[in-house]
Amino acid sequence: MDLQERYIRILSKYLPEETEVIKLWKALKAVYRQTFRKYHNLNHLVELFSYYDIHKDVIEHEEEIMLAIYYHDYVYSVWKKDNEEKSAEKAVQVLQHIGYPEVGIDRIKELILCTKHHQGKSNDENYLIDFDLAILGQPEAMYDDYALKIRKEYVKIPHLLYRKGRKKVLQHFLSKDSIYQTEDFKSKFEARARTNLTNELNRL
């Protein structure tokens, strides 16, 4: 199932007017297609859904985690520190507009916010965090491509400033007892992620 089909299938349950659902999809698609997004784009959503599809049997609130995936990077600016908060606000706005249950909206908001500091308080939050960080534990070539795309997103940031900020991010992950929250992802990706992060840190 592609991104558009999955999105429309979910929202059509709450918004019967197909033209309105399509309008919301086009708005979301346009945001993720912004030209400066070299990594945090539609391909990133496809990647997260690939992990969701593998692990959906252990997800407690499937629809909510899917909607959180769609909106978790809706607002993305390299100049701002409140991207997750703004993305959560957008999700709340859209979901209230279509009459989504408030208890679900609250959970989706928390799912999006947990991707900021990568600390989960629930099973679903832990899995969403791990979906989002799975790229860190991929084979070296894939990781290096990811790191290059992140640098391109920050192309307007001078090298010395980027180097300082990136080192802080890498050191933060390496200082954690575990990068991943779930046993599934720890066993698959933890060791490789630490190697990748260390290699990038050494190159900076």
N, C-alpha and C. Protein backbone atom coordinates (compact mmCIF):
# COMPACT_ATOMS: atom_id res chain seq x y z
N MET A 1 0.85 -1.19 0.00
CA MET A 1 0.00 0.00 0.00
C MET A 1 0.89 1.25 0.00
N ASP A 2 0.66 2.17 -0.94
CA ASP A 2 1.52 3.35 -0.99
C ASP A 2 1.05 4.41 0.01
N LEU A 3 1.84 5.47 0.14
CA LEU A 3 1.56 6.49 1.16
C LEU A 3 0.18 7.13 0.98
N GLN A 4 -0.14 7.47 -0.25
CA GLN A 4 -1.41 8.13 -0.51
C GLN A 4 -2.59 7.21 -0.19
N GLU A 5 -2.54 5.99 -0.65
CA GLU A 5 -3.63 5.05 -0.42
C GLU A 5 -3.85 4.81 1.07
N ARG A 6 -2.76 4.65 1.79
CA ARG A 6 -2.86 4.40 3.23
C ARG A 6 -3.48 5.60 3.95
N TYR A 7 -3.02 6.79 3.58
CA TYR A 7 -3.51 8.02 4.21
C TYR A 7 -5.01 8.21 3.95
N ILE A 8 -5.40 8.06 2.70
CA ILE A 8 -6.80 8.27 2.33
C ILE A 8 -7.70 7.24 2.99
N ARG A 9 -7.23 6.01 3.08
CA ARG A 9 -8.02 4.96 3.72
C ARG A 9 -8.30 5.31 5.19
N ILE A 10 -7.31 5.85 5.89
CA ILE A 10 -7.50 6.21 7.30
C ILE A 10 -8.46 7.39 7.43
N LEU A 11 -8.17 8.47 6.72
CA LEU A 11 -8.95 9.69 6.92
C LEU A 11 -10.37 9.58 6.39
N SER A 12 -10.58 8.72 5.41
CA SER A 12 -11.93 8.58 4.85
C SER A 12 -12.92 8.03 5.86
N LYS A 13 -12.43 7.39 6.91
CA LYS A 13 -13.32 6.89 7.96
C LYS A 13 -13.99 8.06 8.70
N TYR A 14 -13.30 9.19 8.72
CA TYR A 14 -13.77 10.32 9.53
C TYR A 14 -14.22 11.50 8.68
N LEU A 15 -13.77 11.54 7.43
CA LEU A 15 -14.11 12.66 6.54
C LEU A 15 -14.64 12.07 5.24
N PRO A 16 -15.95 11.95 5.11
CA PRO A 16 -16.52 11.26 3.94
C PRO A 16 -16.32 11.98 2.61
N GLU A 17 -16.11 13.29 2.65
CA GLU A 17 -15.92 14.04 1.40
C GLU A 17 -14.54 13.74 0.82
N GLU A 18 -14.51 12.97 -0.26
CA GLU A 18 -13.23 12.54 -0.84
C GLU A 18 -12.36 13.72 -1.24
N THR A 19 -12.97 14.78 -1.76
CA THR A 19 -12.19 15.94 -2.19
C THR A 19 -11.46 16.58 -1.02
N GLU A 20 -12.07 16.56 0.16
CA GLU A 20 -11.43 17.13 1.35
C GLU A 20 -10.26 16.27 1.81
N VAL A 21 -10.42 14.97 1.73
CA VAL A 21 -9.32 14.06 2.10
C VAL A 21 -8.15 14.25 1.14
N ILE A 22 -8.45 14.34 -0.15
CA ILE A 22 -7.40 14.54 -1.16
C ILE A 22 -6.68 15.86 -0.92
N LYS A 23 -7.43 16.87 -0.53
CA LYS A 23 -6.83 18.18 -0.26
C LYS A 23 -5.82 18.09 0.90
N LEU A 24 -6.20 17.36 1.94
CA LEU A 24 -5.30 17.19 3.08
C LEU A 24 -4.06 16.38 2.68
N TRP A 25 -4.25 15.37 1.85
CA TRP A 25 -3.12 14.58 1.39
C TRP A 25 -2.17 15.44 0.55
N LYS A 26 -2.71 16.25 -0.33
CA LYS A 26 -1.86 17.08 -1.19
C LYS A 26 -1.08 18.10 -0.37
N ALA A 27 -1.70 18.61 0.69
CA ALA A 27 -0.99 19.55 1.57
C ALA A 27 0.16 18.86 2.27
N LEU A 28 -0.08 17.65 2.76
CA LEU A 28 0.98 16.91 3.43
C LEU A 28 2.10 16.55 2.46
N LYS A 29 1.71 16.08 1.27
CA LYS A 29 2.70 15.70 0.27
C LYS A 29 3.57 16.89 -0.14
N ALA A 30 2.96 18.05 -0.29
CA ALA A 30 3.71 19.24 -0.69
C ALA A 30 4.76 19.62 0.34
N VAL A 31 4.41 19.48 1.61
CA VAL A 31 5.35 19.81 2.67
C VAL A 31 6.57 18.87 2.62
N TYR A 32 6.31 17.58 2.50
CA TYR A 32 7.42 16.62 2.49
C TYR A 32 8.22 16.66 1.18
N ARG A 33 7.70 17.35 0.18
CA ARG A 33 8.42 17.50 -1.08
C ARG A 33 9.20 18.83 -1.17
N GLN A 34 9.25 19.57 -0.09
CA GLN A 34 10.04 20.81 -0.10
C GLN A 34 11.46 20.47 -0.54
N THR A 35 12.01 21.31 -1.40
CA THR A 35 13.26 20.95 -2.08
C THR A 35 14.45 20.80 -1.14
N PHE A 36 14.44 21.49 0.00
CA PHE A 36 15.58 21.40 0.91
C PHE A 36 15.60 20.07 1.68
N ARG A 37 14.48 19.36 1.65
CA ARG A 37 14.40 18.09 2.38
C ARG A 37 15.09 17.00 1.58
N LYS A 38 16.27 16.65 1.98
CA LYS A 38 17.02 15.60 1.28
C LYS A 38 16.85 14.24 1.95
N TYR A 39 16.56 14.27 3.25
CA TYR A 39 16.30 13.02 3.97
C TYR A 39 14.89 13.00 4.56
N HIS A 40 14.47 14.09 5.19
CA HIS A 40 13.16 14.13 5.86
C HIS A 40 12.05 14.42 4.85
N ASN A 41 11.90 13.50 3.92
CA ASN A 41 10.93 13.67 2.83
C ASN A 41 10.00 12.47 2.76
N LEU A 42 9.32 12.30 1.66
CA LEU A 42 8.38 11.19 1.52
C LEU A 42 9.07 9.83 1.64
N ASN A 43 10.31 9.75 1.18
CA ASN A 43 11.03 8.48 1.28
C ASN A 43 11.24 8.09 2.74
N HIS A 44 11.41 9.10 3.60
CA HIS A 44 11.55 8.83 5.03
C HIS A 44 10.26 8.21 5.58
N LEU A 45 9.12 8.70 5.13
CA LEU A 45 7.85 8.12 5.57
C LEU A 45 7.72 6.68 5.07
N VAL A 46 8.11 6.44 3.84
CA VAL A 46 8.07 5.08 3.29
C VAL A 46 8.94 4.16 4.16
N GLU A 47 10.10 4.64 4.54
CA GLU A 47 11.01 3.86 5.38
C GLU A 47 10.36 3.50 6.71
N LEU A 48 9.75 4.50 7.36
CA LEU A 48 9.11 4.23 8.65
C LEU A 48 7.96 3.24 8.51
N PHE A 49 7.19 3.37 7.44
CA PHE A 49 6.08 2.44 7.24
C PHE A 49 6.58 1.02 6.95
N SER A 50 7.76 0.90 6.38
CA SER A 50 8.30 -0.45 6.15
C SER A 50 8.54 -1.15 7.48
N TYR A 51 9.00 -0.39 8.49
CA TYR A 51 9.20 -0.98 9.82
C TYR A 51 7.87 -1.19 10.53
N TYR A 52 6.96 -0.25 10.33
CA TYR A 52 5.62 -0.43 10.91
C TYR A 52 4.98 -1.72 10.41
N ASP A 53 5.07 -1.97 9.12
CA ASP A 53 4.44 -3.17 8.54
C ASP A 53 5.04 -4.45 9.11
N ILE A 54 6.32 -4.41 9.42
CA ILE A 54 6.97 -5.59 10.00
C ILE A 54 6.51 -5.82 11.44
N HIS A 55 6.32 -4.73 12.18
CA HIS A 55 6.08 -4.84 13.62
C HIS A 55 4.65 -4.51 14.04
N LYS A 56 3.74 -4.37 13.09
CA LYS A 56 2.40 -3.90 13.44
C LYS A 56 1.66 -4.84 14.40
N ASP A 57 2.04 -6.11 14.44
CA ASP A 57 1.36 -7.04 15.34
C ASP A 57 1.60 -6.71 16.81
N VAL A 58 2.65 -5.94 17.11
CA VAL A 58 2.92 -5.59 18.51
C VAL A 58 2.54 -4.14 18.81
N ILE A 59 1.96 -3.45 17.83
CA ILE A 59 1.52 -2.08 18.04
C ILE A 59 0.13 -2.09 18.67
N GLU A 60 -0.08 -1.26 19.67
CA GLU A 60 -1.36 -1.25 20.39
C GLU A 60 -2.42 -0.41 19.66
N HIS A 61 -2.01 0.73 19.11
CA HIS A 61 -2.95 1.64 18.45
C HIS A 61 -2.42 1.91 17.04
N GLU A 62 -2.77 1.01 16.13
CA GLU A 62 -2.16 1.02 14.79
C GLU A 62 -2.47 2.31 14.03
N GLU A 63 -3.72 2.71 14.02
CA GLU A 63 -4.10 3.90 13.26
C GLU A 63 -3.40 5.14 13.80
N GLU A 64 -3.28 5.23 15.10
CA GLU A 64 -2.67 6.41 15.71
C GLU A 64 -1.18 6.49 15.40
N ILE A 65 -0.49 5.36 15.42
CA ILE A 65 0.93 5.41 15.12
C ILE A 65 1.15 5.71 13.63
N MET A 66 0.24 5.26 12.78
CA MET A 66 0.34 5.59 11.36
C MET A 66 0.17 7.10 11.15
N LEU A 67 -0.80 7.69 11.80
CA LEU A 67 -1.00 9.13 11.66
C LEU A 67 0.17 9.91 12.25
N ALA A 68 0.75 9.40 13.33
CA ALA A 68 1.93 10.05 13.90
C ALA A 68 3.10 9.99 12.92
N ILE A 69 3.24 8.88 12.21
CA ILE A 69 4.30 8.79 11.19
C ILE A 69 4.09 9.88 10.13
N TYR A 70 2.88 10.03 9.65
CA TYR A 70 2.61 11.02 8.61
C TYR A 70 2.96 12.44 9.07
N TYR A 71 2.68 12.76 10.31
CA TYR A 71 2.81 14.15 10.74
C TYR A 71 4.05 14.44 11.58
N HIS A 72 4.88 13.45 11.90
CA HIS A 72 5.95 13.70 12.87
C HIS A 72 7.02 14.67 12.36
N ASP A 73 7.19 14.77 11.06
CA ASP A 73 8.14 15.75 10.49
C ASP A 73 7.43 16.76 9.59
N TYR A 74 6.15 16.98 9.83
CA TYR A 74 5.39 17.90 8.98
C TYR A 74 6.06 19.28 8.98
N VAL A 75 6.45 19.74 10.14
CA VAL A 75 7.21 21.00 10.24
C VAL A 75 8.67 20.63 10.46
N TYR A 76 9.52 21.08 9.56
CA TYR A 76 10.94 20.74 9.66
C TYR A 76 11.76 21.93 9.18
N SER A 77 12.45 22.55 10.11
CA SER A 77 13.32 23.67 9.79
C SER A 77 14.63 23.50 10.54
N VAL A 78 15.74 23.64 9.82
CA VAL A 78 17.04 23.49 10.47
C VAL A 78 17.34 24.68 11.38
N TRP A 79 16.55 25.74 11.29
CA TRP A 79 16.77 26.94 12.09
C TRP A 79 15.98 26.93 13.39
N LYS A 80 15.06 26.01 13.54
CA LYS A 80 14.15 26.02 14.68
C LYS A 80 14.39 24.82 15.60
N LYS A 81 14.00 24.97 16.85
CA LYS A 81 14.14 23.90 17.83
C LYS A 81 12.78 23.36 18.29
N ASP A 82 11.72 23.82 17.64
CA ASP A 82 10.37 23.38 18.05
C ASP A 82 9.63 22.67 16.92
N ASN A 83 10.37 21.98 16.06
CA ASN A 83 9.75 21.30 14.93
C ASN A 83 8.72 20.26 15.37
N GLU A 84 9.07 19.48 16.39
CA GLU A 84 8.16 18.43 16.84
C GLU A 84 6.89 19.03 17.44
N GLU A 85 7.06 20.10 18.22
CA GLU A 85 5.90 20.76 18.81
C GLU A 85 4.97 21.32 17.73
N LYS A 86 5.56 21.94 16.72
CA LYS A 86 4.77 22.51 15.64
C LYS A 86 4.12 21.41 14.79
N SER A 87 4.83 20.33 14.59
CA SER A 87 4.26 19.20 13.85
C SER A 87 3.09 18.60 14.61
N ALA A 88 3.23 18.49 15.92
CA ALA A 88 2.14 17.97 16.75
C ALA A 88 0.94 18.90 16.69
N GLU A 89 1.19 20.20 16.72
CA GLU A 89 0.10 21.17 16.62
C GLU A 89 -0.65 21.01 15.30
N LYS A 90 0.09 20.80 14.22
CA LYS A 90 -0.55 20.61 12.91
C LYS A 90 -1.41 19.35 12.90
N ALA A 91 -0.87 18.27 13.46
CA ALA A 91 -1.63 17.02 13.52
C ALA A 91 -2.92 17.22 14.31
N VAL A 92 -2.83 17.89 15.44
CA VAL A 92 -4.01 18.15 16.27
C VAL A 92 -5.04 18.96 15.48
N GLN A 93 -4.57 19.98 14.77
CA GLN A 93 -5.46 20.83 13.97
C GLN A 93 -6.21 20.01 12.92
N VAL A 94 -5.49 19.20 12.18
CA VAL A 94 -6.11 18.38 11.13
C VAL A 94 -7.09 17.38 11.72
N LEU A 95 -6.65 16.71 12.77
CA LEU A 95 -7.47 15.64 13.33
C LEU A 95 -8.71 16.17 14.03
N GLN A 96 -8.61 17.32 14.66
CA GLN A 96 -9.81 17.93 15.25
C GLN A 96 -10.78 18.34 14.15
N HIS A 97 -10.23 18.81 13.04
CA HIS A 97 -11.06 19.23 11.91
C HIS A 97 -11.88 18.08 11.35
N ILE A 98 -11.32 16.88 11.33
CA ILE A 98 -12.04 15.74 10.75
C ILE A 98 -12.86 14.98 11.80
N GLY A 99 -12.82 15.45 13.05
CA GLY A 99 -13.62 14.81 14.09
C GLY A 99 -13.00 13.55 14.66
N TYR A 100 -11.69 13.48 14.66
CA TYR A 100 -11.01 12.30 15.21
C TYR A 100 -11.21 12.28 16.72
N PRO A 101 -11.35 11.09 17.33
CA PRO A 101 -11.56 11.01 18.78
C PRO A 101 -10.46 11.71 19.58
N GLU A 102 -10.86 12.47 20.59
CA GLU A 102 -9.90 13.28 21.35
C GLU A 102 -8.85 12.42 22.04
N VAL A 103 -9.24 11.26 22.54
CA VAL A 103 -8.26 10.41 23.22
C VAL A 103 -7.19 9.95 22.23
N GLY A 104 -7.60 9.72 20.99
CA GLY A 104 -6.63 9.36 19.96
C GLY A 104 -5.73 10.52 19.59
N ILE A 105 -6.30 11.71 19.51
CA ILE A 105 -5.51 12.90 19.20
C ILE A 105 -4.44 13.11 20.26
N ASP A 106 -4.81 12.92 21.52
CA ASP A 106 -3.84 13.09 22.60
C ASP A 106 -2.69 12.11 22.47
N ARG A 107 -3.00 10.87 22.11
CA ARG A 107 -1.94 9.88 21.96
C ARG A 107 -1.05 10.20 20.75
N ILE A 108 -1.65 10.65 19.67
CA ILE A 108 -0.87 11.01 18.47
C ILE A 108 0.05 12.18 18.78
N LYS A 109 -0.46 13.15 19.50
CA LYS A 109 0.37 14.29 19.90
C LYS A 109 1.59 13.82 20.69
N GLU A 110 1.37 12.94 21.66
CA GLU A 110 2.49 12.44 22.47
C GLU A 110 3.44 11.59 21.64
N LEU A 111 2.91 10.85 20.69
CA LEU A 111 3.77 10.07 19.80
C LEU A 111 4.72 10.97 19.02
N ILE A 112 4.20 12.05 18.49
CA ILE A 112 5.04 12.98 17.72
C ILE A 112 6.07 13.64 18.63
N LEU A 113 5.63 14.07 19.80
CA LEU A 113 6.54 14.77 20.71
C LEU A 113 7.68 13.87 21.20
N CYS A 114 7.43 12.57 21.31
CA CYS A 114 8.47 11.68 21.83
C CYS A 114 9.64 11.54 20.86
N THR A 115 9.43 11.91 19.58
CA THR A 115 10.53 11.81 18.62
C THR A 115 11.53 12.95 18.78
N LYS A 116 11.24 13.90 19.66
CA LYS A 116 12.17 15.01 19.88
C LYS A 116 13.38 14.57 20.69
N HIS A 117 13.11 13.94 21.84
CA HIS A 117 14.20 13.52 22.73
C HIS A 117 14.41 12.01 22.73
N HIS A 118 13.62 11.31 21.92
CA HIS A 118 13.76 9.86 21.75
C HIS A 118 13.64 9.13 23.09
N GLN A 119 12.63 9.55 23.85
CA GLN A 119 12.30 8.87 25.10
C GLN A 119 10.81 8.54 25.07
N GLY A 120 10.50 7.25 25.16
CA GLY A 120 9.11 6.83 25.09
C GLY A 120 8.54 6.46 26.45
N LYS A 121 7.24 6.65 26.58
CA LYS A 121 6.55 6.29 27.82
C LYS A 121 5.57 5.13 27.60
N SER A 122 5.46 4.67 26.37
CA SER A 122 4.53 3.59 26.06
C SER A 122 5.14 2.68 25.00
N ASN A 123 4.54 1.53 24.84
CA ASN A 123 5.00 0.60 23.82
C ASN A 123 5.02 1.24 22.43
N ASP A 124 3.94 1.92 22.07
CA ASP A 124 3.86 2.52 20.74
C ASP A 124 4.89 3.63 20.57
N GLU A 125 5.09 4.43 21.59
CA GLU A 125 6.10 5.49 21.51
C GLU A 125 7.49 4.89 21.32
N ASN A 126 7.78 3.81 22.04
CA ASN A 126 9.09 3.17 21.89
C ASN A 126 9.30 2.65 20.48
N TYR A 127 8.27 2.07 19.90
CA TYR A 127 8.41 1.55 18.54
C TYR A 127 8.54 2.69 17.52
N LEU A 128 7.79 3.76 17.69
CA LEU A 128 7.91 4.88 16.76
C LEU A 128 9.31 5.47 16.80
N ILE A 129 9.85 5.62 18.00
CA ILE A 129 11.22 6.12 18.14
C ILE A 129 12.19 5.21 17.39
N ASP A 130 12.03 3.93 17.56
CA ASP A 130 12.94 3.00 16.90
C ASP A 130 12.76 2.97 15.39
N PHE A 131 11.53 3.11 14.91
CA PHE A 131 11.33 3.24 13.46
C PHE A 131 12.12 4.44 12.95
N ASP A 132 12.03 5.54 13.69
CA ASP A 132 12.65 6.80 13.27
C ASP A 132 14.17 6.72 13.30
N LEU A 133 14.71 5.94 14.21
CA LEU A 133 16.17 5.84 14.37
C LEU A 133 16.78 4.62 13.68
N ALA A 134 15.95 3.83 13.03
CA ALA A 134 16.46 2.60 12.41
C ALA A 134 17.57 2.88 11.40
N ILE A 135 17.53 4.03 10.76
CA ILE A 135 18.54 4.38 9.77
C ILE A 135 19.95 4.37 10.36
N LEU A 136 20.06 4.64 11.65
CA LEU A 136 21.38 4.69 12.29
C LEU A 136 22.06 3.33 12.29
N GLY A 137 21.28 2.27 12.25
CA GLY A 137 21.84 0.92 12.33
C GLY A 137 21.90 0.18 11.02
N GLN A 138 21.83 0.92 9.92
CA GLN A 138 21.86 0.28 8.60
C GLN A 138 23.31 0.05 8.14
N PRO A 139 23.50 -0.75 7.10
CA PRO A 139 24.85 -0.96 6.57
C PRO A 139 25.57 0.36 6.27
N GLU A 140 26.88 0.32 6.31
CA GLU A 140 27.69 1.53 6.25
C GLU A 140 27.33 2.45 5.08
N ALA A 141 27.15 1.89 3.90
CA ALA A 141 26.86 2.72 2.73
C ALA A 141 25.54 3.46 2.89
N MET A 142 24.53 2.79 3.44
CA MET A 142 23.23 3.43 3.65
C MET A 142 23.34 4.53 4.71
N TYR A 143 24.08 4.24 5.76
CA TYR A 143 24.25 5.26 6.80
C TYR A 143 25.00 6.47 6.25
N ASP A 144 26.04 6.24 5.49
CA ASP A 144 26.82 7.35 4.94
C ASP A 144 25.97 8.21 4.01
N ASP A 145 25.09 7.58 3.24
CA ASP A 145 24.18 8.32 2.38
C ASP A 145 23.23 9.17 3.21
N TYR A 146 22.72 8.61 4.30
CA TYR A 146 21.86 9.35 5.22
C TYR A 146 22.61 10.56 5.79
N ALA A 147 23.83 10.35 6.26
CA ALA A 147 24.60 11.44 6.87
C ALA A 147 24.86 12.56 5.86
N LEU A 148 25.12 12.17 4.61
CA LEU A 148 25.34 13.17 3.56
C LEU A 148 24.07 13.97 3.30
N LYS A 149 22.93 13.30 3.30
CA LYS A 149 21.66 14.00 3.07
C LYS A 149 21.35 14.96 4.22
N ILE A 150 21.67 14.57 5.44
CA ILE A 150 21.47 15.47 6.58
C ILE A 150 22.34 16.71 6.41
N ARG A 151 23.57 16.52 6.01
CA ARG A 151 24.46 17.68 5.79
C ARG A 151 23.89 18.59 4.71
N LYS A 152 23.31 18.02 3.67
CA LYS A 152 22.72 18.83 2.60
C LYS A 152 21.51 19.62 3.10
N GLU A 153 20.77 19.06 4.04
CA GLU A 153 19.65 19.80 4.62
C GLU A 153 20.15 21.01 5.41
N TYR A 154 21.35 20.89 5.93
CA TYR A 154 21.96 21.97 6.71
C TYR A 154 22.98 22.75 5.88
N VAL A 155 22.81 22.77 4.57
CA VAL A 155 23.82 23.34 3.68
C VAL A 155 24.10 24.81 3.97
N LYS A 156 23.13 25.53 4.50
CA LYS A 156 23.31 26.95 4.79
C LYS A 156 24.02 27.19 6.13
N ILE A 157 24.26 26.14 6.87
CA ILE A 157 24.98 26.25 8.13
C ILE A 157 26.48 26.12 7.86
N PRO A 158 27.29 27.09 8.28
CA PRO A 158 28.75 26.99 8.06
C PRO A 158 29.32 25.70 8.65
N HIS A 159 30.39 25.23 8.02
CA HIS A 159 30.94 23.92 8.37
C HIS A 159 31.29 23.81 9.86
N LEU A 160 31.94 24.82 10.41
CA LEU A 160 32.36 24.74 11.81
C LEU A 160 31.17 24.64 12.76
N LEU A 161 30.12 25.39 12.45
CA LEU A 161 28.92 25.32 13.29
C LEU A 161 28.23 23.98 13.14
N TYR A 162 28.15 23.50 11.89
CA TYR A 162 27.52 22.20 11.66
C TYR A 162 28.32 21.11 12.37
N ARG A 163 29.62 21.15 12.24
CA ARG A 163 30.49 20.15 12.86
C ARG A 163 30.26 20.11 14.38
N LYS A 164 30.19 21.27 14.99
CA LYS A 164 29.98 21.34 16.43
C LYS A 164 28.62 20.75 16.83
N GLY A 165 27.58 21.13 16.10
CA GLY A 165 26.24 20.63 16.40
C GLY A 165 26.10 19.15 16.14
N ARG A 166 26.67 18.70 15.03
CA ARG A 166 26.56 17.28 14.68
C ARG A 166 27.32 16.41 15.67
N LYS A 167 28.48 16.87 16.09
CA LYS A 167 29.24 16.12 17.09
C LYS A 167 28.42 15.96 18.38
N LYS A 168 27.73 17.01 18.75
CA LYS A 168 26.91 16.97 19.97
C LYS A 168 25.80 15.92 19.83
N VAL A 169 25.18 15.87 18.65
CA VAL A 169 24.12 14.88 18.41
C VAL A 169 24.68 13.46 18.48
N LEU A 170 25.79 13.24 17.79
CA LEU A 170 26.38 11.90 17.76
C LEU A 170 26.82 11.45 19.15
N GLN A 171 27.44 12.36 19.89
CA GLN A 171 27.90 12.03 21.23
C GLN A 171 26.73 11.75 22.17
N HIS A 172 25.62 12.46 21.94
CA HIS A 172 24.42 12.22 22.74
C HIS A 172 23.94 10.79 22.57
N PHE A 173 23.85 10.33 21.33
CA PHE A 173 23.39 8.96 21.09
C PHE A 173 24.38 7.94 21.66
N LEU A 174 25.67 8.19 21.47
CA LEU A 174 26.67 7.24 21.94
C LEU A 174 26.75 7.17 23.46
N SER A 175 26.33 8.23 24.13
CA SER A 175 26.38 8.25 25.59
C SER A 175 25.22 7.50 26.24
N LYS A 176 24.22 7.18 25.46
CA LYS A 176 23.04 6.48 26.00
C LYS A 176 23.37 5.01 26.28
N ASP A 177 22.73 4.47 27.30
CA ASP A 177 22.90 3.04 27.58
C ASP A 177 22.45 2.21 26.39
N SER A 178 21.39 2.68 25.74
CA SER A 178 20.92 2.02 24.53
C SER A 178 20.32 3.07 23.60
N ILE A 179 20.67 3.02 22.33
CA ILE A 179 20.10 3.94 21.35
C ILE A 179 18.64 3.60 21.10
N TYR A 180 18.35 2.32 21.07
CA TYR A 180 17.01 1.85 20.75
C TYR A 180 16.22 1.52 22.01
N GLN A 181 14.89 1.59 21.88
CA GLN A 181 14.00 1.41 23.03
C GLN A 181 13.48 -0.01 23.16
N THR A 182 13.34 -0.70 22.05
CA THR A 182 12.73 -2.03 22.06
C THR A 182 13.78 -3.12 21.86
N GLU A 183 13.49 -4.29 22.38
CA GLU A 183 14.43 -5.40 22.23
C GLU A 183 14.58 -5.79 20.77
N ASP A 184 13.50 -5.69 20.00
CA ASP A 184 13.57 -6.01 18.57
C ASP A 184 14.67 -5.20 17.88
N PHE A 185 14.67 -3.90 18.12
CA PHE A 185 15.62 -3.03 17.42
C PHE A 185 17.00 -3.06 18.05
N LYS A 186 17.06 -3.25 19.35
CA LYS A 186 18.37 -3.38 20.00
C LYS A 186 19.13 -4.55 19.41
N SER A 187 18.46 -5.69 19.28
CA SER A 187 19.14 -6.89 18.80
C SER A 187 19.54 -6.77 17.33
N LYS A 188 18.75 -6.04 16.55
CA LYS A 188 19.03 -5.93 15.11
C LYS A 188 20.03 -4.83 14.78
N PHE A 189 19.93 -3.70 15.48
CA PHE A 189 20.61 -2.49 14.98
C PHE A 189 21.56 -1.79 15.96
N GLU A 190 21.54 -2.14 17.23
CA GLU A 190 22.32 -1.38 18.22
C GLU A 190 23.82 -1.37 17.92
N ALA A 191 24.40 -2.53 17.70
CA ALA A 191 25.85 -2.61 17.48
C ALA A 191 26.27 -1.86 16.22
N ARG A 192 25.53 -2.06 15.14
CA ARG A 192 25.85 -1.38 13.88
C ARG A 192 25.68 0.12 14.01
N ALA A 193 24.66 0.55 14.73
CA ALA A 193 24.43 1.99 14.92
C ALA A 193 25.61 2.62 15.65
N ARG A 194 26.09 1.97 16.68
CA ARG A 194 27.22 2.53 17.44
C ARG A 194 28.48 2.62 16.57
N THR A 195 28.68 1.65 15.74
CA THR A 195 29.82 1.70 14.82
C THR A 195 29.67 2.85 13.83
N ASN A 196 28.48 2.98 13.24
CA ASN A 196 28.24 4.06 12.28
C ASN A 196 28.43 5.44 12.90
N LEU A 197 27.85 5.63 14.08
CA LEU A 197 27.95 6.92 14.75
C LEU A 197 29.39 7.24 15.11
N THR A 198 30.11 6.25 15.58
CA THR A 198 31.52 6.44 15.94
C THR A 198 32.35 6.79 14.71
N ASN A 199 32.09 6.12 13.61
CA ASN A 199 32.83 6.40 12.38
C ASN A 199 32.57 7.82 11.89
N GLU A 200 31.31 8.24 11.94
CA GLU A 200 31.02 9.63 11.51
C GLU A 200 31.66 10.63 12.44
N LEU A 201 31.60 10.37 13.72
CA LEU A 201 32.20 11.27 14.70
C LEU A 201 33.70 11.41 14.45
N ASN A 202 34.35 10.32 14.13
CA ASN A 202 35.80 10.34 13.89
C ASN A 202 36.15 11.11 12.61
N ARG A 203 35.19 11.18 11.68
CA ARG A 203 35.46 11.89 10.42
C ARG A 203 35.25 13.40 10.54
N LEU A 204 34.51 13.82 11.55
CA LEU A 204 34.18 15.25 11.66
C LEU A 204 35.40 16.08 12.08
